[in-house]
C-alpha atoms as a PDB file:
ATOM      1  CA  UNK A   1       9.286 -10.851  -4.378  1.00  0.00           C
ATOM      2  CA  UNK A   2       7.549  -7.555  -3.121  1.00  0.00           C
ATOM      3  CA  UNK A   3       6.010  -7.638   0.461  1.00  0.00           C
ATOM      4  CA  UNK A   4       2.418  -6.713   0.953  1.00  0.00           C
ATOM      5  CA  UNK A   5       3.376  -3.014   2.021  1.00  0.00           C
ATOM      6  CA  UNK A   6       5.152  -2.602  -1.335  1.00  0.00           C
ATOM      7  CA  UNK A   7       3.368   0.601  -3.307  1.00  0.00           C
ATOM      8  CA  UNK A   8       2.506  -0.265  -6.983  1.00  0.00           C
ATOM      9  CA  UNK A   9       1.678   2.477  -9.438  1.00  0.00           C
ATOM     10  CA  UNK A  10      -0.315   0.624 -12.025  1.00  0.00           C
ATOM     11  CA  UNK A  11       0.285   1.504 -15.798  1.00  0.00           C
ATOM     12  CA  UNK A  12      -3.367   1.156 -17.062  1.00  0.00           C
ATOM     13  CA  UNK A  13      -6.311   2.437 -14.548  1.00  0.00           C
ATOM     14  CA  UNK A  14      -9.477   1.112 -15.672  1.00  0.00           C
ATOM     15  CA  UNK A  15     -12.719   3.312 -15.062  1.00  0.00           C
ATOM     16  CA  UNK A  16     -13.094   3.351 -11.272  1.00  0.00           C
ATOM     17  CA  UNK A  17     -16.930   2.820 -11.819  1.00  0.00           C
ATOM     18  CA  UNK A  18     -16.341  -0.442 -13.937  1.00  0.00           C
ATOM     19  CA  UNK A  19     -13.918  -1.592 -11.709  1.00  0.00           C
ATOM     20  CA  UNK A  20     -16.125  -1.497  -8.842  1.00  0.00           C
ATOM     21  CA  UNK A  21     -19.325  -2.736 -10.488  1.00  0.00           C
ATOM     22  CA  UNK A  22     -16.924  -5.696 -11.695  1.00  0.00           C
ATOM     23  CA  UNK A  23     -15.675  -6.527  -8.392  1.00  0.00           C
ATOM     24  CA  UNK A  24     -19.372  -6.393  -6.682  1.00  0.00           C
ATOM     25  CA  UNK A  25     -20.534  -8.963  -9.624  1.00  0.00           C
ATOM     26  CA  UNK A  26     -17.771 -11.338  -8.336  1.00  0.00           C
ATOM     27  CA  UNK A  27     -17.657 -10.806  -4.729  1.00  0.00           C
ATOM     28  CA  UNK A  28     -20.073  -8.431  -2.909  1.00  0.00           C
ATOM     29  CA  UNK A  29     -17.821  -7.270  -0.220  1.00  0.00           C
ATOM     30  CA  UNK A  30     -16.912  -3.844   0.543  1.00  0.00           C
ATOM     31  CA  UNK A  31     -13.255  -2.625  -0.157  1.00  0.00           C
ATOM     32  CA  UNK A  32     -11.273   0.385   0.857  1.00  0.00           C
ATOM     33  CA  UNK A  33     -11.030   1.569  -2.635  1.00  0.00           C
ATOM     34  CA  UNK A  34     -14.714   2.348  -2.800  1.00  0.00           C
ATOM     35  CA  UNK A  35     -14.573   4.505   0.283  1.00  0.00           C
ATOM     36  CA  UNK A  36     -11.758   6.265  -0.990  1.00  0.00           C
ATOM     37  CA  UNK A  37     -13.237   7.047  -4.408  1.00  0.00           C
ATOM     38  CA  UNK A  38     -16.533   8.412  -2.874  1.00  0.00           C
ATOM     39  CA  UNK A  39     -14.535  10.184  -0.825  1.00  0.00           C
ATOM     40  CA  UNK A  40     -12.501  11.746  -3.513  1.00  0.00           C
ATOM     41  CA  UNK A  41      -9.217  10.368  -2.535  1.00  0.00           C
ATOM     42  CA  UNK A  42      -6.533   8.940  -4.585  1.00  0.00           C
ATOM     43  CA  UNK A  43      -6.424   5.353  -4.941  1.00  0.00           C
ATOM     44  CA  UNK A  44      -2.877   4.908  -6.450  1.00  0.00           C
ATOM     45  CA  UNK A  45      -0.485   4.081  -5.677  1.00  0.00           C
ATOM     46  CA  UNK A  46      -2.010   0.942  -3.733  1.00  0.00           C
ATOM     47  CA  UNK A  47      -0.177  -1.322  -1.873  1.00  0.00           C
ATOM     48  CA  UNK A  48       0.093  -4.968  -2.928  1.00  0.00           C
ATOM     49  CA  UNK A  49      -1.656  -5.947  -0.016  1.00  0.00           C
ATOM     50  CA  UNK A  50      -4.796  -3.830  -0.345  1.00  0.00           C
ATOM     51  CA  UNK A  51      -4.719  -5.001  -4.032  1.00  0.00           C
ATOM     52  CA  UNK A  52      -4.986  -8.588  -2.717  1.00  0.00           C
ATOM     53  CA  UNK A  53      -7.662  -7.516  -0.553  1.00  0.00           C
ATOM     54  CA  UNK A  54      -9.884  -6.034  -3.122  1.00  0.00           C
ATOM     55  CA  UNK A  55      -8.771  -7.598  -6.869  1.00  0.00           C
ATOM     56  CA  UNK A  56     -10.873 -10.931  -7.204  1.00  0.00           C
ATOM     57  CA  UNK A  57      -8.436 -12.202  -9.604  1.00  0.00           C
ATOM     58  CA  UNK A  58      -6.048 -12.112  -6.605  1.00  0.00           C
ATOM     59  CA  UNK A  59      -8.394 -13.778  -4.489  1.00  0.00           C
ATOM     60  CA  UNK A  60      -9.544 -16.876  -6.483  1.00  0.00           C
ATOM     61  CA  UNK A  61      -7.831 -19.057  -4.154  1.00  0.00           C
ATOM     62  CA  UNK A  62     -10.459 -18.213  -1.698  1.00  0.00           C
ATOM     63  CA  UNK A  63     -13.498 -20.325  -1.035  1.00  0.00           C
ATOM     64  CA  UNK A  64     -15.758 -17.203  -0.418  1.00  0.00           C
ATOM     65  CA  UNK A  65     -14.752 -15.962  -4.000  1.00  0.00           C
ATOM     66  CA  UNK A  66     -15.384 -19.389  -5.598  1.00  0.00           C
ATOM     67  CA  UNK A  67     -18.977 -19.480  -4.115  1.00  0.00           C
ATOM     68  CA  UNK A  68     -19.729 -15.825  -5.186  1.00  0.00           C
ATOM     69  CA  UNK A  69     -19.517 -16.913  -8.492  1.00  0.00           C
ATOM     70  CA  UNK A  70     -20.945 -20.379  -8.161  1.00  0.00           C
ATOM     71  CA  UNK A  71     -17.675 -22.646  -8.397  1.00  0.00           C
ATOM     72  CA  UNK A  72     -17.673 -23.721  -4.667  1.00  0.00           C
ATOM     73  CA  UNK A  73     -15.198 -26.527  -4.137  1.00  0.00           C
ATOM     74  CA  UNK A  74     -13.398 -25.838  -7.446  1.00  0.00           C
ATOM     75  CA  UNK A  75      -9.772 -25.313  -7.949  1.00  0.00           C
ATOM     76  CA  UNK A  76      -8.204 -21.583  -7.813  1.00  0.00           C
ATOM     77  CA  UNK A  77      -7.188 -22.092 -11.369  1.00  0.00           C
ATOM     78  CA  UNK A  78     -10.585 -22.819 -12.571  1.00  0.00           C
ATOM     79  CA  UNK A  79     -11.976 -20.069 -10.349  1.00  0.00           C
ATOM     80  CA  UNK A  80      -9.474 -17.576 -11.971  1.00  0.00           C
ATOM     81  CA  UNK A  81     -10.181 -18.726 -15.321  1.00  0.00           C
ATOM     82  CA  UNK A  82     -14.356 -18.016 -14.618  1.00  0.00           C
ATOM     83  CA  UNK A  83     -13.470 -14.474 -13.323  1.00  0.00           C
ATOM     84  CA  UNK A  84     -11.220 -13.636 -16.417  1.00  0.00           C
ATOM     85  CA  UNK A  85     -14.073 -15.163 -18.614  1.00  0.00           C
ATOM     86  CA  UNK A  86     -16.745 -13.251 -17.202  1.00  0.00           C
ATOM     87  CA  UNK A  87     -14.468  -9.822 -16.985  1.00  0.00           C
ATOM     88  CA  UNK A  88     -13.951 -10.312 -20.744  1.00  0.00           C
ATOM     89  CA  UNK A  89     -17.744 -10.379 -21.466  1.00  0.00           C
ATOM     90  CA  UNK A  90     -18.653  -7.575 -18.747  1.00  0.00           C
END
């Protein structure tokens, strides 16, 4: 398994503004990519560690993410499913 420092190159890059807007919708927390985008810096490649810090899908097991979508105390799988459902409608 790749470690947190491994660089990944995403095959599909969503519109950066859409990604930021959705991530803010799920969890209101500043993340490094916002600063990079604002400064015109590249956001690809990204490390797995940075993606874990920024991507709400990879943070579904954290209480603050669950609470951010009104699912405090729920299992990570339920939180992940709700995040996916919201992204599908976003």
